[in-house]
N, C-alpha and C. Protein backbone atom coordinates (compact mmCIF):
# COMPACT_ATOMS: atom_id res chain seq x y z
N UNK A 1 47.75 225.70 123.06
CA UNK A 1 47.09 225.95 121.79
C UNK A 1 45.88 226.86 122.01
N UNK A 2 45.64 227.72 121.05
CA UNK A 2 44.45 228.57 121.12
C UNK A 2 43.25 227.82 120.55
N UNK A 3 42.08 228.36 120.83
CA UNK A 3 40.87 227.76 120.26
C UNK A 3 40.94 227.77 118.74
N UNK A 4 41.49 228.84 118.16
CA UNK A 4 41.61 228.91 116.71
C UNK A 4 42.49 227.80 116.15
N UNK A 5 43.60 227.52 116.83
CA UNK A 5 44.49 226.45 116.38
C UNK A 5 43.82 225.10 116.49
N UNK A 6 43.05 224.91 117.56
CA UNK A 6 42.34 223.64 117.74
C UNK A 6 41.22 223.48 116.71
N UNK A 7 40.55 224.58 116.39
CA UNK A 7 39.50 224.53 115.36
C UNK A 7 40.12 224.13 114.03
N UNK A 8 41.23 224.76 113.68
CA UNK A 8 41.89 224.45 112.41
C UNK A 8 42.33 223.00 112.37
N UNK A 9 42.90 222.51 113.46
CA UNK A 9 43.35 221.12 113.52
C UNK A 9 42.19 220.16 113.37
N UNK A 10 41.09 220.46 114.04
CA UNK A 10 39.91 219.59 113.98
C UNK A 10 39.31 219.57 112.57
N UNK A 11 39.17 220.75 111.98
CA UNK A 11 38.63 220.82 110.62
C UNK A 11 39.49 220.05 109.63
N UNK A 12 40.80 220.18 109.76
CA UNK A 12 41.71 219.46 108.87
C UNK A 12 41.53 217.96 109.01
N UNK A 13 41.41 217.49 110.25
CA UNK A 13 41.24 216.05 110.48
C UNK A 13 39.87 215.56 110.01
N UNK A 14 38.93 216.46 109.90
CA UNK A 14 37.61 216.12 109.38
C UNK A 14 37.55 216.17 107.86
N UNK A 15 38.67 216.56 107.25
CA UNK A 15 38.72 216.63 105.79
C UNK A 15 38.17 217.91 105.22
N UNK A 16 38.04 218.94 106.05
CA UNK A 16 37.50 220.22 105.59
C UNK A 16 38.61 221.14 105.08
N UNK A 17 38.23 222.07 104.24
CA UNK A 17 39.10 223.18 103.87
C UNK A 17 39.09 224.14 105.04
N UNK A 18 40.21 224.28 105.73
CA UNK A 18 40.23 225.06 106.97
C UNK A 18 39.95 226.54 106.74
N UNK A 19 40.22 227.03 105.55
CA UNK A 19 39.97 228.45 105.27
C UNK A 19 38.53 228.71 104.86
N UNK A 20 37.85 227.67 104.35
CA UNK A 20 36.47 227.85 103.90
C UNK A 20 35.70 226.55 104.09
N UNK A 21 35.45 226.15 105.36
CA UNK A 21 34.76 224.89 105.62
C UNK A 21 33.32 224.92 105.11
N UNK A 22 32.83 223.76 104.70
CA UNK A 22 31.50 223.67 104.12
C UNK A 22 30.56 222.86 105.00
N UNK A 23 30.88 221.59 105.23
CA UNK A 23 29.97 220.71 105.96
C UNK A 23 30.02 220.97 107.47
N UNK A 24 31.23 221.21 107.98
CA UNK A 24 31.39 221.52 109.40
C UNK A 24 31.77 222.99 109.55
N UNK A 25 31.02 223.72 110.32
CA UNK A 25 31.27 225.13 110.54
C UNK A 25 32.22 225.33 111.73
N UNK A 26 32.97 226.39 111.70
CA UNK A 26 33.90 226.68 112.80
C UNK A 26 33.17 226.81 114.13
N UNK A 27 31.95 227.35 114.09
CA UNK A 27 31.19 227.55 115.33
C UNK A 27 30.82 226.22 115.98
N UNK A 28 30.44 225.22 115.17
CA UNK A 28 30.08 223.94 115.77
C UNK A 28 31.32 223.18 116.22
N UNK A 29 32.45 223.42 115.58
CA UNK A 29 33.70 222.82 116.05
C UNK A 29 34.05 223.41 117.41
N UNK A 30 33.90 224.71 117.56
CA UNK A 30 34.17 225.35 118.85
C UNK A 30 33.24 224.81 119.93
N UNK A 31 31.98 224.59 119.58
CA UNK A 31 31.04 223.99 120.54
C UNK A 31 31.53 222.60 120.98
N UNK A 32 32.02 221.81 120.03
CA UNK A 32 32.50 220.47 120.35
C UNK A 32 33.75 220.54 121.23
N UNK A 33 34.61 221.51 120.99
CA UNK A 33 35.81 221.67 121.80
C UNK A 33 35.46 222.10 123.22
N UNK A 34 34.47 222.97 123.36
CA UNK A 34 34.01 223.36 124.69
C UNK A 34 33.42 222.16 125.43
N UNK A 35 32.65 221.36 124.71
CA UNK A 35 32.09 220.15 125.30
C UNK A 35 33.21 219.21 125.74
N UNK A 36 34.24 219.09 124.91
CA UNK A 36 35.37 218.22 125.24
C UNK A 36 36.06 218.68 126.52
N UNK A 37 36.27 219.98 126.65
CA UNK A 37 36.96 220.47 127.84
C UNK A 37 36.11 220.28 129.10
N UNK A 38 34.80 220.49 128.99
CA UNK A 38 33.93 220.27 130.15
C UNK A 38 33.96 218.80 130.57
N UNK A 39 33.92 217.90 129.58
CA UNK A 39 33.95 216.47 129.87
C UNK A 39 35.29 216.08 130.49
N UNK A 40 36.38 216.64 129.96
CA UNK A 40 37.71 216.38 130.50
C UNK A 40 37.79 216.79 131.97
N UNK A 41 37.25 217.96 132.28
CA UNK A 41 37.28 218.44 133.67
C UNK A 41 36.40 217.59 134.58
N UNK A 42 35.29 217.10 134.07
CA UNK A 42 34.43 216.23 134.84
C UNK A 42 35.13 214.92 135.17
N UNK A 43 35.85 214.36 134.19
CA UNK A 43 36.53 213.09 134.38
C UNK A 43 37.76 213.21 135.28
N UNK A 44 38.41 214.36 135.25
CA UNK A 44 39.70 214.49 135.93
C UNK A 44 39.69 215.38 137.17
N UNK A 45 38.70 216.26 137.29
CA UNK A 45 38.65 217.24 138.38
C UNK A 45 39.94 218.06 138.43
N UNK A 46 40.50 218.37 137.26
CA UNK A 46 41.81 218.99 137.19
C UNK A 46 41.80 220.49 137.47
N UNK A 47 40.63 221.12 137.43
CA UNK A 47 40.55 222.54 137.75
C UNK A 47 39.95 222.70 139.13
N UNK A 48 40.67 223.35 140.00
CA UNK A 48 40.15 223.54 141.36
C UNK A 48 40.45 224.95 141.83
N UNK A 49 39.66 225.40 142.78
CA UNK A 49 39.87 226.71 143.38
C UNK A 49 39.27 226.69 144.78
N UNK A 50 39.46 227.76 145.51
CA UNK A 50 38.94 227.87 146.87
C UNK A 50 38.16 229.16 147.02
N UNK A 51 37.02 229.08 147.67
CA UNK A 51 36.20 230.26 147.92
C UNK A 51 35.57 230.19 149.29
N UNK A 52 35.03 231.30 149.73
CA UNK A 52 34.42 231.40 151.06
C UNK A 52 32.91 231.51 150.97
N UNK A 53 32.23 230.84 151.88
CA UNK A 53 30.77 230.88 151.96
C UNK A 53 30.38 231.33 153.35
N UNK A 54 29.79 232.50 153.46
CA UNK A 54 29.32 233.02 154.74
C UNK A 54 27.99 232.34 155.09
N UNK A 55 27.92 231.75 156.26
CA UNK A 55 26.71 231.05 156.69
C UNK A 55 25.74 232.01 157.35
N UNK A 56 24.47 231.79 157.09
CA UNK A 56 23.41 232.61 157.69
C UNK A 56 22.96 231.97 159.00
N UNK A 57 22.28 232.73 159.80
CA UNK A 57 21.75 232.20 161.05
C UNK A 57 20.59 231.27 160.79
N UNK A 58 20.53 230.17 161.54
CA UNK A 58 19.40 229.24 161.52
C UNK A 58 19.10 228.72 160.12
N UNK A 59 20.15 228.44 159.35
CA UNK A 59 19.99 227.93 157.99
C UNK A 59 20.87 226.71 157.80
N UNK A 60 20.28 225.62 157.31
CA UNK A 60 21.03 224.37 157.12
C UNK A 60 21.37 224.11 155.67
N UNK A 61 20.70 224.78 154.72
CA UNK A 61 20.87 224.47 153.30
C UNK A 61 21.28 225.72 152.51
N UNK A 62 22.17 225.51 151.53
CA UNK A 62 22.67 226.59 150.69
C UNK A 62 22.84 226.10 149.26
N UNK A 63 22.49 226.94 148.28
CA UNK A 63 22.74 226.64 146.87
C UNK A 63 24.12 227.18 146.51
N UNK A 64 25.08 226.28 146.29
CA UNK A 64 26.46 226.70 146.07
C UNK A 64 26.65 227.44 144.76
N UNK A 65 25.86 227.12 143.73
CA UNK A 65 26.03 227.79 142.44
C UNK A 65 25.66 229.27 142.52
N UNK A 66 24.94 229.66 143.55
CA UNK A 66 24.64 231.08 143.73
C UNK A 66 25.90 231.86 144.05
N UNK A 67 26.81 231.23 144.80
CA UNK A 67 28.06 231.87 145.19
C UNK A 67 29.22 231.48 144.28
N UNK A 68 29.28 230.21 143.91
CA UNK A 68 30.38 229.69 143.09
C UNK A 68 29.80 229.24 141.74
N UNK A 69 29.83 230.12 140.77
CA UNK A 69 29.11 229.88 139.52
C UNK A 69 29.69 228.73 138.70
N UNK A 70 30.94 228.36 138.95
CA UNK A 70 31.56 227.27 138.19
C UNK A 70 31.75 226.02 139.06
N UNK A 71 31.01 225.94 140.15
CA UNK A 71 31.12 224.82 141.09
C UNK A 71 30.80 223.49 140.40
N UNK A 72 31.63 222.50 140.68
CA UNK A 72 31.41 221.16 140.15
C UNK A 72 31.29 220.12 141.25
N UNK A 73 32.25 220.13 142.20
CA UNK A 73 32.29 219.09 143.22
C UNK A 73 33.11 219.59 144.40
N UNK A 74 32.64 219.40 145.65
CA UNK A 74 33.44 219.83 146.80
C UNK A 74 34.62 218.88 147.03
N UNK A 75 35.75 219.45 147.37
CA UNK A 75 36.95 218.65 147.64
C UNK A 75 37.36 218.71 149.11
N UNK A 76 37.19 219.86 149.73
CA UNK A 76 37.52 220.01 151.15
C UNK A 76 36.73 221.19 151.70
N UNK A 77 36.20 221.03 152.91
CA UNK A 77 35.44 222.09 153.56
C UNK A 77 36.00 222.26 154.97
N UNK A 78 36.23 223.50 155.35
CA UNK A 78 36.70 223.77 156.71
C UNK A 78 36.17 225.11 157.18
N UNK A 79 36.16 225.31 158.51
CA UNK A 79 35.76 226.59 159.09
C UNK A 79 36.92 227.56 158.90
N UNK A 80 36.65 228.68 158.26
CA UNK A 80 37.71 229.60 157.89
C UNK A 80 38.49 230.11 159.10
N UNK A 81 37.80 230.50 160.15
CA UNK A 81 38.46 231.15 161.29
C UNK A 81 39.36 230.19 162.07
N UNK A 82 38.97 228.93 162.15
CA UNK A 82 39.71 227.99 163.00
C UNK A 82 40.48 226.94 162.22
N UNK A 83 40.12 226.75 160.95
CA UNK A 83 40.74 225.69 160.17
C UNK A 83 40.19 224.32 160.48
N UNK A 84 39.15 224.25 161.30
CA UNK A 84 38.56 222.95 161.67
C UNK A 84 37.92 222.31 160.45
N UNK A 85 38.23 221.05 160.23
CA UNK A 85 37.69 220.34 159.07
C UNK A 85 36.21 220.02 159.26
N UNK A 86 35.44 220.25 158.23
CA UNK A 86 34.04 219.84 158.20
C UNK A 86 34.00 218.56 157.37
N UNK A 87 33.58 217.47 158.00
CA UNK A 87 33.68 216.16 157.36
C UNK A 87 32.48 215.87 156.45
N UNK A 88 32.71 215.16 155.35
CA UNK A 88 31.59 214.80 154.47
C UNK A 88 30.73 213.71 155.08
N UNK A 89 29.48 213.70 154.72
CA UNK A 89 28.56 212.66 155.18
C UNK A 89 27.34 212.62 154.29
N UNK A 90 26.36 211.85 154.71
CA UNK A 90 25.09 211.75 153.99
C UNK A 90 23.97 212.11 154.94
N UNK A 91 22.84 212.50 154.39
CA UNK A 91 21.72 212.88 155.25
C UNK A 91 21.33 211.73 156.16
N UNK A 92 21.46 210.50 155.67
CA UNK A 92 21.16 209.35 156.52
C UNK A 92 22.10 209.29 157.72
N UNK A 93 23.36 209.68 157.51
CA UNK A 93 24.31 209.74 158.62
C UNK A 93 23.88 210.80 159.62
N UNK A 94 23.47 211.95 159.09
CA UNK A 94 23.03 213.02 159.98
C UNK A 94 21.86 212.57 160.84
N UNK A 95 20.89 211.89 160.20
CA UNK A 95 19.71 211.41 160.93
C UNK A 95 20.09 210.41 162.02
N UNK A 96 21.06 209.55 161.71
CA UNK A 96 21.45 208.53 162.69
C UNK A 96 22.18 209.13 163.88
N UNK A 97 22.88 210.24 163.64
CA UNK A 97 23.61 210.89 164.73
C UNK A 97 22.71 211.79 165.57
N UNK A 98 21.72 212.40 164.91
CA UNK A 98 20.81 213.29 165.63
C UNK A 98 19.52 213.43 164.86
N UNK A 99 18.41 213.07 165.48
CA UNK A 99 17.12 213.18 164.82
C UNK A 99 16.73 214.64 164.60
N UNK A 100 17.41 215.55 165.31
CA UNK A 100 17.09 216.98 165.20
C UNK A 100 18.25 217.76 164.55
N UNK A 101 18.99 217.10 163.64
CA UNK A 101 20.21 217.71 163.11
C UNK A 101 19.96 219.04 162.41
N UNK A 102 18.77 219.22 161.82
CA UNK A 102 18.49 220.48 161.13
C UNK A 102 18.28 221.64 162.11
N UNK A 103 18.08 221.32 163.38
CA UNK A 103 17.89 222.35 164.40
C UNK A 103 19.06 222.46 165.36
N UNK A 104 20.01 221.53 165.29
CA UNK A 104 21.16 221.58 166.20
C UNK A 104 22.00 222.82 165.91
N UNK A 105 22.48 223.46 166.97
CA UNK A 105 23.18 224.74 166.85
C UNK A 105 24.66 224.57 167.19
N UNK A 106 25.51 225.26 166.42
CA UNK A 106 26.94 225.23 166.70
C UNK A 106 27.74 225.43 165.42
N UNK A 107 29.07 225.31 165.54
CA UNK A 107 29.92 225.36 164.35
C UNK A 107 29.72 224.08 163.55
N UNK A 108 29.56 224.18 162.22
CA UNK A 108 29.34 222.97 161.41
C UNK A 108 30.50 221.98 161.54
N UNK A 109 30.15 220.71 161.63
CA UNK A 109 31.16 219.65 161.69
C UNK A 109 30.99 218.65 160.55
N UNK A 110 29.83 218.66 159.88
CA UNK A 110 29.57 217.74 158.78
C UNK A 110 28.83 218.47 157.65
N UNK A 111 29.03 217.94 156.43
CA UNK A 111 28.34 218.51 155.28
C UNK A 111 27.99 217.41 154.30
N UNK A 112 27.02 217.72 153.44
CA UNK A 112 26.67 216.86 152.31
C UNK A 112 26.26 217.77 151.17
N UNK A 113 26.47 217.31 149.94
CA UNK A 113 26.01 218.06 148.77
C UNK A 113 25.04 217.19 148.01
N UNK A 114 23.83 217.69 147.83
CA UNK A 114 22.76 216.95 147.18
C UNK A 114 22.56 217.50 145.77
N UNK A 115 22.36 216.59 144.81
CA UNK A 115 22.15 217.03 143.44
C UNK A 115 23.36 217.79 142.92
N UNK A 116 23.11 218.87 142.20
CA UNK A 116 24.19 219.65 141.60
C UNK A 116 24.90 220.55 142.59
N UNK A 117 24.16 221.12 143.56
CA UNK A 117 24.81 222.17 144.36
C UNK A 117 24.20 222.42 145.73
N UNK A 118 23.25 221.62 146.18
CA UNK A 118 22.57 221.92 147.45
C UNK A 118 23.42 221.44 148.61
N UNK A 119 24.01 222.38 149.33
CA UNK A 119 24.86 222.07 150.48
C UNK A 119 24.03 221.99 151.74
N UNK A 120 24.20 220.92 152.50
CA UNK A 120 23.59 220.78 153.82
C UNK A 120 24.69 220.76 154.86
N UNK A 121 24.52 221.51 155.94
CA UNK A 121 25.51 221.53 157.01
C UNK A 121 24.82 221.25 158.34
N UNK A 122 25.56 220.64 159.25
CA UNK A 122 25.09 220.41 160.61
C UNK A 122 26.29 220.37 161.55
N UNK A 123 26.18 220.98 162.75
CA UNK A 123 25.10 221.85 163.21
C UNK A 123 25.07 223.15 162.39
N UNK A 124 24.08 223.98 162.69
CA UNK A 124 23.97 225.26 161.99
C UNK A 124 24.20 226.38 162.99
N UNK A 125 24.79 227.50 162.57
CA UNK A 125 25.01 228.62 163.50
C UNK A 125 23.69 229.31 163.84
N UNK A 126 23.62 229.84 165.06
CA UNK A 126 22.41 230.57 165.46
C UNK A 126 22.56 232.07 165.26
N UNK A 127 23.71 232.47 164.70
CA UNK A 127 23.94 233.89 164.40
C UNK A 127 24.95 233.97 163.26
N UNK A 128 24.93 235.07 162.50
CA UNK A 128 25.92 235.23 161.43
C UNK A 128 27.33 235.31 162.01
N UNK A 129 28.32 235.06 161.17
CA UNK A 129 29.71 235.21 161.63
C UNK A 129 30.60 234.03 161.31
N UNK A 130 30.00 232.89 160.95
CA UNK A 130 30.79 231.72 160.60
C UNK A 130 30.91 231.64 159.07
N UNK A 131 32.12 231.46 158.60
CA UNK A 131 32.38 231.35 157.17
C UNK A 131 33.09 230.04 156.89
N UNK A 132 32.62 229.34 155.87
CA UNK A 132 33.27 228.11 155.44
C UNK A 132 34.24 228.41 154.29
N UNK A 133 35.41 227.80 154.36
CA UNK A 133 36.35 227.84 153.24
C UNK A 133 36.17 226.54 152.46
N UNK A 134 35.74 226.66 151.22
CA UNK A 134 35.42 225.48 150.41
C UNK A 134 36.37 225.39 149.22
N UNK A 135 37.12 224.31 149.18
CA UNK A 135 37.94 223.99 148.01
C UNK A 135 37.11 223.08 147.13
N UNK A 136 37.00 223.43 145.85
CA UNK A 136 36.10 222.67 144.99
C UNK A 136 36.66 222.55 143.58
N UNK A 137 36.29 221.45 142.92
CA UNK A 137 36.58 221.30 141.49
C UNK A 137 35.61 222.19 140.74
N UNK A 138 36.10 222.78 139.65
CA UNK A 138 35.25 223.70 138.91
C UNK A 138 35.23 223.38 137.42
N UNK A 139 34.21 223.89 136.76
CA UNK A 139 34.09 223.74 135.31
C UNK A 139 34.93 224.82 134.63
N UNK A 140 35.32 224.59 133.39
CA UNK A 140 36.12 225.60 132.68
C UNK A 140 35.25 226.72 132.13
N UNK A 141 35.87 227.87 131.94
CA UNK A 141 35.20 228.96 131.23
C UNK A 141 34.96 228.54 129.78
N UNK A 142 33.87 228.96 129.25
CA UNK A 142 33.55 228.66 127.85
C UNK A 142 34.43 229.49 126.92
N UNK A 143 35.03 228.85 125.95
CA UNK A 143 35.78 229.57 124.92
C UNK A 143 34.78 230.14 123.92
N UNK A 144 34.89 231.42 123.65
CA UNK A 144 33.93 232.09 122.76
C UNK A 144 34.57 232.68 121.52
N UNK A 145 35.90 232.76 121.50
CA UNK A 145 36.58 233.32 120.33
C UNK A 145 37.83 232.50 120.04
N UNK A 146 38.36 232.65 118.85
CA UNK A 146 39.51 231.86 118.44
C UNK A 146 40.78 232.22 119.21
N UNK A 147 40.78 233.37 119.85
CA UNK A 147 41.94 233.76 120.64
C UNK A 147 41.96 233.19 122.05
N UNK A 148 40.84 232.58 122.47
CA UNK A 148 40.77 231.98 123.80
C UNK A 148 41.64 230.73 123.87
N UNK A 149 42.03 230.37 125.10
CA UNK A 149 42.88 229.21 125.33
C UNK A 149 42.20 228.28 126.33
N UNK A 150 42.20 226.97 126.10
CA UNK A 150 41.63 226.04 127.09
C UNK A 150 42.31 226.18 128.44
N UNK A 151 41.58 225.97 129.50
CA UNK A 151 42.13 226.09 130.85
C UNK A 151 42.88 224.85 131.32
N UNK A 152 42.64 223.71 130.70
CA UNK A 152 43.32 222.51 131.13
C UNK A 152 44.80 222.62 130.75
N UNK A 153 45.70 221.83 131.37
CA UNK A 153 47.12 221.92 131.05
C UNK A 153 47.39 221.81 129.56
N UNK A 154 48.39 222.57 129.09
CA UNK A 154 48.64 222.70 127.65
C UNK A 154 48.94 221.37 126.98
N UNK A 155 49.58 220.44 127.70
CA UNK A 155 49.94 219.17 127.07
C UNK A 155 48.71 218.32 126.72
N UNK A 156 47.56 218.69 127.28
CA UNK A 156 46.33 217.94 127.00
C UNK A 156 45.42 218.63 125.98
N UNK A 157 45.83 219.78 125.49
CA UNK A 157 45.01 220.48 124.50
C UNK A 157 44.73 219.65 123.25
N UNK A 158 45.73 218.93 122.70
CA UNK A 158 45.45 218.15 121.48
C UNK A 158 44.34 217.13 121.63
N UNK A 159 44.15 216.57 122.82
CA UNK A 159 43.11 215.55 122.97
C UNK A 159 41.71 216.14 122.85
N UNK A 160 41.59 217.46 122.99
CA UNK A 160 40.29 218.10 122.76
C UNK A 160 39.90 217.99 121.30
N UNK A 161 40.89 218.08 120.41
CA UNK A 161 40.61 217.90 118.98
C UNK A 161 40.23 216.46 118.69
N UNK A 162 40.86 215.50 119.40
CA UNK A 162 40.47 214.10 119.23
C UNK A 162 38.99 213.91 119.55
N UNK A 163 38.56 214.48 120.66
CA UNK A 163 37.15 214.40 121.05
C UNK A 163 36.28 215.09 120.00
N UNK A 164 36.73 216.27 119.55
CA UNK A 164 35.94 217.03 118.58
C UNK A 164 35.71 216.26 117.29
N UNK A 165 36.74 215.58 116.79
CA UNK A 165 36.59 214.80 115.56
C UNK A 165 35.56 213.70 115.75
N UNK A 166 35.68 212.95 116.85
CA UNK A 166 34.73 211.86 117.10
C UNK A 166 33.32 212.39 117.32
N UNK A 167 33.22 213.48 118.04
CA UNK A 167 31.90 214.05 118.34
C UNK A 167 31.19 214.53 117.08
N UNK A 168 31.92 215.14 116.19
CA UNK A 168 31.30 215.72 115.00
C UNK A 168 31.03 214.68 113.92
N UNK A 169 31.83 213.63 113.86
CA UNK A 169 31.62 212.59 112.85
C UNK A 169 30.28 211.88 113.02
N UNK A 170 29.68 212.00 114.17
CA UNK A 170 28.37 211.39 114.39
C UNK A 170 27.37 211.88 113.34
N UNK A 171 27.54 213.12 112.88
CA UNK A 171 26.62 213.67 111.88
C UNK A 171 26.61 212.85 110.60
N UNK A 172 27.69 212.14 110.31
CA UNK A 172 27.80 211.42 109.06
C UNK A 172 27.37 209.96 109.18
N UNK A 173 26.87 209.59 110.35
CA UNK A 173 26.36 208.23 110.50
C UNK A 173 27.33 207.32 111.25
N UNK A 174 26.80 206.16 111.61
CA UNK A 174 27.56 205.23 112.45
C UNK A 174 28.82 204.70 111.81
N UNK A 175 28.80 204.48 110.50
CA UNK A 175 29.97 203.92 109.83
C UNK A 175 31.14 204.90 109.88
N UNK A 176 30.87 206.17 109.61
CA UNK A 176 31.94 207.17 109.66
C UNK A 176 32.41 207.39 111.10
N UNK A 177 31.47 207.36 112.03
CA UNK A 177 31.83 207.51 113.44
C UNK A 177 32.74 206.37 113.88
N UNK A 178 32.44 205.16 113.43
CA UNK A 178 33.25 204.00 113.79
C UNK A 178 34.70 204.17 113.35
N UNK A 179 34.90 204.84 112.22
CA UNK A 179 36.26 205.03 111.69
C UNK A 179 37.12 205.91 112.59
N UNK A 180 36.48 206.79 113.35
CA UNK A 180 37.25 207.71 114.20
C UNK A 180 37.04 207.43 115.69
N UNK A 181 36.47 206.29 116.00
CA UNK A 181 36.20 205.97 117.40
C UNK A 181 37.50 205.91 118.20
N UNK A 182 38.60 205.54 117.54
CA UNK A 182 39.88 205.48 118.24
C UNK A 182 40.30 206.86 118.74
N UNK A 183 39.83 207.91 118.08
CA UNK A 183 40.16 209.27 118.52
C UNK A 183 39.52 209.56 119.87
N UNK A 184 38.29 209.05 120.06
CA UNK A 184 37.66 209.19 121.37
C UNK A 184 38.43 208.38 122.41
N UNK A 185 38.94 207.21 122.00
CA UNK A 185 39.78 206.42 122.90
C UNK A 185 41.03 207.17 123.30
N UNK A 186 41.63 207.91 122.37
CA UNK A 186 42.80 208.72 122.69
C UNK A 186 42.46 209.78 123.73
N UNK A 187 41.29 210.39 123.55
CA UNK A 187 40.83 211.40 124.51
C UNK A 187 40.71 210.80 125.91
N UNK A 188 40.10 209.62 126.01
CA UNK A 188 39.93 208.97 127.31
C UNK A 188 41.27 208.57 127.92
N UNK A 189 42.19 208.13 127.09
CA UNK A 189 43.52 207.75 127.59
C UNK A 189 44.23 208.94 128.19
N UNK A 190 44.16 210.08 127.52
CA UNK A 190 44.79 211.29 128.05
C UNK A 190 44.09 211.76 129.33
N UNK A 191 42.75 211.66 129.35
CA UNK A 191 42.02 212.02 130.56
C UNK A 191 42.40 211.12 131.73
N UNK A 192 42.62 209.83 131.45
CA UNK A 192 43.01 208.89 132.50
C UNK A 192 44.38 209.26 133.07
N UNK A 193 45.30 209.70 132.22
CA UNK A 193 46.62 210.13 132.70
C UNK A 193 46.49 211.32 133.63
N UNK A 194 45.70 212.29 133.22
CA UNK A 194 45.50 213.47 134.04
C UNK A 194 44.81 213.11 135.36
N UNK A 195 43.82 212.23 135.29
CA UNK A 195 43.10 211.83 136.49
C UNK A 195 44.01 211.12 137.48
N UNK A 196 44.92 210.29 136.98
CA UNK A 196 45.86 209.61 137.87
C UNK A 196 46.75 210.61 138.60
N UNK A 197 47.20 211.62 137.89
CA UNK A 197 48.03 212.65 138.52
C UNK A 197 47.23 213.42 139.58
N UNK A 198 46.01 213.82 139.21
CA UNK A 198 45.17 214.57 140.14
C UNK A 198 44.86 213.73 141.37
N UNK A 199 44.60 212.45 141.16
CA UNK A 199 44.26 211.56 142.28
C UNK A 199 45.41 211.48 143.29
N UNK A 200 46.62 211.34 142.80
CA UNK A 200 47.77 211.26 143.71
C UNK A 200 47.97 212.58 144.45
N UNK A 201 47.75 213.69 143.78
CA UNK A 201 47.88 214.99 144.43
C UNK A 201 46.80 215.18 145.49
N UNK A 202 45.57 214.78 145.17
CA UNK A 202 44.47 214.95 146.12
C UNK A 202 44.64 214.05 147.35
N UNK A 203 45.16 212.85 147.14
CA UNK A 203 45.38 211.94 148.27
C UNK A 203 46.36 212.56 149.25
N UNK A 204 47.39 213.22 148.73
CA UNK A 204 48.37 213.86 149.59
C UNK A 204 47.80 215.04 150.37
N UNK A 205 46.77 215.65 149.83
CA UNK A 205 46.16 216.80 150.49
C UNK A 205 44.98 216.42 151.37
N UNK A 206 44.64 215.15 151.37
CA UNK A 206 43.54 214.70 152.22
C UNK A 206 42.18 215.19 151.78
N UNK A 207 41.97 215.31 150.47
CA UNK A 207 40.68 215.77 149.97
C UNK A 207 39.60 214.71 150.19
N UNK A 208 38.36 215.16 150.19
CA UNK A 208 37.23 214.28 150.45
C UNK A 208 36.84 213.44 149.24
N UNK A 209 37.18 213.89 148.04
CA UNK A 209 36.80 213.18 146.82
C UNK A 209 37.97 213.13 145.86
N UNK A 210 37.92 212.15 144.97
CA UNK A 210 38.95 211.98 143.96
C UNK A 210 38.29 211.69 142.62
N UNK A 211 39.03 211.83 141.53
CA UNK A 211 38.44 211.55 140.21
C UNK A 211 38.07 210.09 140.05
N UNK A 212 37.11 209.85 139.18
CA UNK A 212 36.73 208.50 138.78
C UNK A 212 37.96 207.77 138.24
N UNK A 213 38.12 206.48 138.61
CA UNK A 213 39.29 205.72 138.18
C UNK A 213 39.08 205.24 136.74
N UNK A 214 39.29 206.16 135.83
CA UNK A 214 39.02 205.93 134.42
C UNK A 214 39.93 204.85 133.83
N UNK A 215 41.18 204.82 134.27
CA UNK A 215 42.12 203.84 133.72
C UNK A 215 41.65 202.42 134.01
N UNK A 216 41.14 202.17 135.22
CA UNK A 216 40.64 200.84 135.56
C UNK A 216 39.41 200.49 134.74
N UNK A 217 38.55 201.48 134.52
CA UNK A 217 37.35 201.24 133.70
C UNK A 217 37.75 200.91 132.28
N UNK A 218 38.74 201.64 131.74
CA UNK A 218 39.19 201.38 130.36
C UNK A 218 39.72 199.96 130.21
N UNK A 219 40.39 199.45 131.24
CA UNK A 219 41.00 198.12 131.14
C UNK A 219 39.96 197.02 131.04
N UNK A 220 38.71 197.32 131.39
CA UNK A 220 37.64 196.32 131.31
C UNK A 220 36.86 196.37 130.01
N UNK A 221 37.15 197.39 129.17
CA UNK A 221 36.37 197.58 127.95
C UNK A 221 36.99 196.81 126.78
N UNK A 222 36.14 196.28 125.87
CA UNK A 222 36.67 195.59 124.69
C UNK A 222 37.42 196.54 123.78
N UNK A 223 38.40 196.04 123.09
CA UNK A 223 39.20 196.86 122.17
C UNK A 223 38.33 197.27 120.99
N UNK A 224 38.58 198.49 120.49
CA UNK A 224 37.82 198.99 119.35
C UNK A 224 38.69 198.96 118.09
């Protein structure tokens, strides 16, 4: 589905005249659909890609968003030239293994990502020439026109409209929002299906991280 088709579907479900909406504007519906797709990708990690990061000499920290503008979460890190896996860890692990880990020299064997994008590696190279191949989950491109298409798989496009309806109904107060809360539940159910598929695929590839187990969380929530 195109963004235009999703906007029309969402407006119709909101009770608007799709050709001349009054209370809900097409622009704010598009904003809600973009928000829905970003949230879907966060829950499922369904968009992934691989890029290279050239390491500098005597440097342990890197801002990944400088190189990978849509970076969300690292999935696998390895040395490009050798294919050697760089294992995930925490700074506390680094400290326990070596009190001087920020000064240790060599090919990186461990990494951590702090906050949104701060990559720490140890050991660090003492000269340029080492490149990391990083497979990472990424955020979707923002849809800006009605001709754009969501990046998530096509079978999940309708659930973006479910999210959009619930998200926009908040403007009308809690009672109206309560009436469409099941639409948000539909969105989460579809995201859980996608996350289960992604999780099984990632397990087979030996990735360092997997999506949040949304289906298990849903099973603990009271019915709406």
